[in-house]
Protein backbone atom coordinates (compact mmCIF):
# COMPACT_ATOMS: atom_id res chain seq x y z
CA MET A 1 10.14 19.25 -8.31
CA PRO A 2 8.56 15.95 -9.52
CA THR A 3 6.97 13.72 -6.88
CA ALA A 4 9.64 11.01 -7.05
CA GLU A 5 12.48 13.52 -6.55
CA ARG A 6 10.68 15.23 -3.67
CA GLU A 7 10.00 11.92 -1.92
CA ILE A 8 13.57 10.71 -2.46
CA SER A 9 14.81 13.93 -0.83
CA ARG A 10 12.49 13.38 2.13
CA PHE A 11 13.68 9.78 2.47
CA GLN A 12 17.32 10.85 2.26
CA VAL A 13 16.77 13.20 5.23
CA PHE A 14 15.14 10.33 7.13
CA LEU A 15 18.06 8.01 6.32
CA GLN A 16 20.58 10.61 7.51
CA GLN A 17 18.71 10.87 10.81
CA GLN A 18 19.02 7.08 11.10
CA GLY A 19 22.74 7.19 10.29
CA LEU A 20 22.15 5.46 6.94
CA LYS A 21 22.97 6.35 3.34
CA LEU A 22 20.97 6.55 0.15
CA THR A 23 22.67 3.94 -2.02
CA SER A 24 22.24 3.69 -5.79
CA GLU A 25 20.13 0.53 -5.29
CA ARG A 26 17.82 2.29 -2.85
CA SER A 27 17.57 5.29 -5.14
CA ALA A 28 16.52 3.12 -8.12
CA LEU A 29 14.02 1.28 -5.91
CA LEU A 30 12.55 4.55 -4.63
CA ARG A 31 12.00 5.82 -8.17
CA GLU A 32 10.14 2.61 -8.98
CA ILE A 33 8.00 2.85 -5.84
CA PHE A 34 7.14 6.52 -6.18
CA GLU A 35 6.17 6.06 -9.83
CA THR A 36 3.82 3.19 -8.91
CA HIS A 37 0.22 4.24 -8.40
CA TYR A 38 -1.31 1.05 -7.07
CA HIS A 39 -0.75 -1.46 -4.27
CA PHE A 40 2.39 -3.46 -4.93
CA GLU A 41 4.20 -6.44 -3.43
CA ALA A 42 7.87 -6.70 -2.47
CA ASP A 43 8.47 -9.60 -4.86
CA GLU A 44 6.82 -7.65 -7.66
CA LEU A 45 9.36 -4.87 -7.06
CA LEU A 46 12.18 -7.39 -7.26
CA PHE A 47 10.85 -8.67 -10.59
CA ARG A 48 10.43 -5.15 -12.02
CA MET A 49 13.91 -4.11 -10.92
CA LYS A 50 15.44 -7.20 -12.53
CA GLU A 51 13.47 -6.43 -15.73
CA LYS A 52 15.19 -3.04 -15.74
CA ASN A 53 18.59 -4.68 -15.15
CA VAL A 54 18.95 -3.11 -11.70
CA LYS A 55 20.97 -5.38 -9.44
CA ILE A 56 19.22 -5.44 -6.09
CA SER A 57 18.68 -8.18 -3.55
CA ARG A 58 15.38 -9.30 -2.05
CA ALA A 59 16.83 -8.41 1.38
CA THR A 60 17.58 -4.84 0.26
CA ILE A 61 14.02 -4.47 -1.00
CA TYR A 62 12.51 -5.71 2.25
CA ARG A 63 14.86 -3.60 4.41
CA THR A 64 14.15 -0.51 2.32
CA LEU A 65 10.39 -1.10 2.48
CA GLU A 66 10.62 -1.35 6.28
CA LEU A 67 12.53 1.94 6.37
CA LEU A 68 9.96 3.55 4.07
CA VAL A 69 7.15 2.38 6.33
CA LYS A 70 9.00 3.72 9.38
CA SER A 71 9.52 7.05 7.60
CA GLY A 72 5.81 7.35 6.80
CA LEU A 73 6.35 7.52 3.03
CA VAL A 74 4.94 4.05 2.37
CA ARG A 75 2.10 2.21 4.06
CA ARG A 76 1.92 -1.55 4.58
CA VAL A 77 -1.54 -2.85 3.67
CA HIS A 78 -2.98 -6.28 4.30
CA LEU A 79 -5.48 -6.99 1.55
CA GLY A 80 -6.72 -10.38 2.73
CA GLU A 81 -3.86 -12.47 1.32
CA ASP A 82 -1.06 -14.20 3.24
CA HIS A 83 1.37 -11.34 2.62
CA TYR A 84 1.43 -7.57 2.64
CA HIS A 85 1.05 -5.09 -0.15
CA TYR A 86 2.46 -1.59 0.01
CA GLU A 87 1.33 1.79 -1.23
CA HIS A 88 2.95 5.18 -1.51
CA VAL A 89 1.50 7.54 1.09
CA ARG A 90 0.49 10.83 -0.43
CA ARG A 91 -0.29 13.85 1.70
CA ASP A 92 -3.98 14.06 2.66
CA SER A 93 -4.67 10.86 0.79
CA HIS A 94 -6.15 8.70 3.51
CA HIS A 95 -8.54 6.14 2.14
CA ASP A 96 -10.03 2.81 3.04
CA HIS A 97 -10.53 -0.34 0.97
CA LEU A 98 -13.32 -2.55 -0.33
CA ILE A 99 -11.79 -5.88 -1.34
CA CYS A 100 -13.54 -8.44 -3.52
CA THR A 101 -12.80 -11.89 -2.12
CA THR A 102 -13.72 -13.45 -5.47
CA CYS A 103 -11.65 -11.56 -8.06
CA GLY A 104 -9.30 -9.62 -5.76
CA ALA A 105 -10.40 -6.18 -6.94
CA VAL A 106 -9.41 -3.38 -4.56
CA ILE A 107 -11.74 -0.38 -4.50
CA GLU A 108 -10.50 2.66 -2.61
CA PHE A 109 -12.94 5.02 -0.92
CA HIS A 110 -12.95 7.96 1.45
CA ASP A 111 -15.97 8.90 3.54
CA PRO A 112 -15.71 12.07 5.66
CA VAL A 113 -18.75 11.07 7.75
CA LEU A 114 -17.14 7.74 8.59
CA GLU A 115 -13.86 9.47 9.45
CA ALA A 116 -15.67 11.90 11.76
CA ARG A 117 -17.55 9.04 13.45
CA GLN A 118 -14.28 7.23 14.15
CA LEU A 119 -12.88 10.35 15.80
CA GLU A 120 -16.05 10.66 17.91
CA ILE A 121 -15.70 7.06 19.08
CA CYS A 122 -12.04 7.64 19.99
CA ALA A 123 -12.92 10.79 21.96
CA LYS A 124 -15.74 8.99 23.78
CA LYS A 125 -13.39 6.16 24.75
CA ARG A 126 -10.56 8.61 25.61
CA PHE A 127 -8.40 6.99 22.95
CA THR A 128 -5.83 8.78 20.81
CA ALA A 129 -5.82 7.30 17.32
CA THR A 130 -2.56 7.42 15.42
CA PHE A 131 -3.70 5.46 12.38
CA HIS A 132 -6.53 3.29 11.18
CA ASN A 133 -7.05 0.93 8.31
CA LEU A 134 -10.59 -0.04 7.38
CA GLN A 135 -11.07 -2.91 4.97
CA ILE A 136 -14.40 -4.38 3.99
CA LEU A 137 -14.27 -7.81 2.39
CA GLY A 138 -17.09 -8.85 0.11
CA VAL A 139 -18.10 -9.39 -3.50
CA CYS A 140 -17.81 -6.61 -6.07
CA ASP A 141 -20.68 -5.73 -8.38
CA ALA A 142 -19.10 -7.40 -11.43
CA CYS A 143 -18.64 -10.72 -9.59
CA ARG A 144 -22.10 -10.47 -7.99
CA ARG A 145 -23.72 -9.98 -11.43
CA LYS A 146 -21.87 -13.08 -12.71
CA GLY A 147 -23.15 -15.04 -9.70
CA GLU A 148 -19.62 -15.73 -8.46
CA GLN A 149 -19.08 -16.50 -4.81
CA PRO A 150 -15.81 -16.58 -2.84
CA ASP A 151 -14.26 -19.86 -1.72
CA ALA A 152 -13.94 -18.37 1.77
CA PRO A 153 -15.83 -15.15 2.61
CA ASP A 154 -12.99 -13.87 4.82
CA ARG A 155 -10.07 -14.66 2.46
CA VAL A 156 -9.04 -13.24 -0.88
CA LYS A 157 -8.00 -15.84 -3.46
CA MET A 158 -5.41 -13.56 -4.99
CA ILE A 159 -5.05 -9.88 -5.73
CA GLN A 160 -4.77 -10.29 -9.48
CA VAL A 161 -2.66 -8.00 -11.64
CA GLY A 162 -5.75 -6.58 -13.37
CA ALA A 163 -7.34 -5.97 -9.98
CA LEU A 164 -4.41 -3.80 -8.94
CA ASN A 165 -5.63 -1.09 -11.28
CA LEU A 166 -7.68 0.50 -8.55
CA ARG A 167 -11.26 1.55 -8.96
CA LYS A 168 -12.38 4.64 -7.12
């Protein structure tokens, strides 16, 4: 079964447990989300759906994204801008982010030693972690070589479309 179909089935079970239905609008939106392999914004989804002549409201997109986050199929990610981005959660795909505050590039990474250290810290503090999201803001190698500096070291100007093609 293709990924999108499998995830739609999982979401449909979740919706049934919530007493909700999988509408045709939600189904079209889910296909778009589960075929997207980068961080996306809610308004970007609205634009892409309208490009495909799918009639869907901004409210339906936001409500569906909230349900997807609640179901664990989508993760809300703050990438240093004034709004959230979202990403499809894949099994065993935990990763963290390096974010260039100059060009908006998002570089995903996974470090098993760092993950183990976080678990050690939680155990030492008698804390049960349910989720974590590590983001390191800075300047990517390409911007550093060009001598570019961020306007504000703790803020991203904009996650540009080209930057959404993630580097690993």
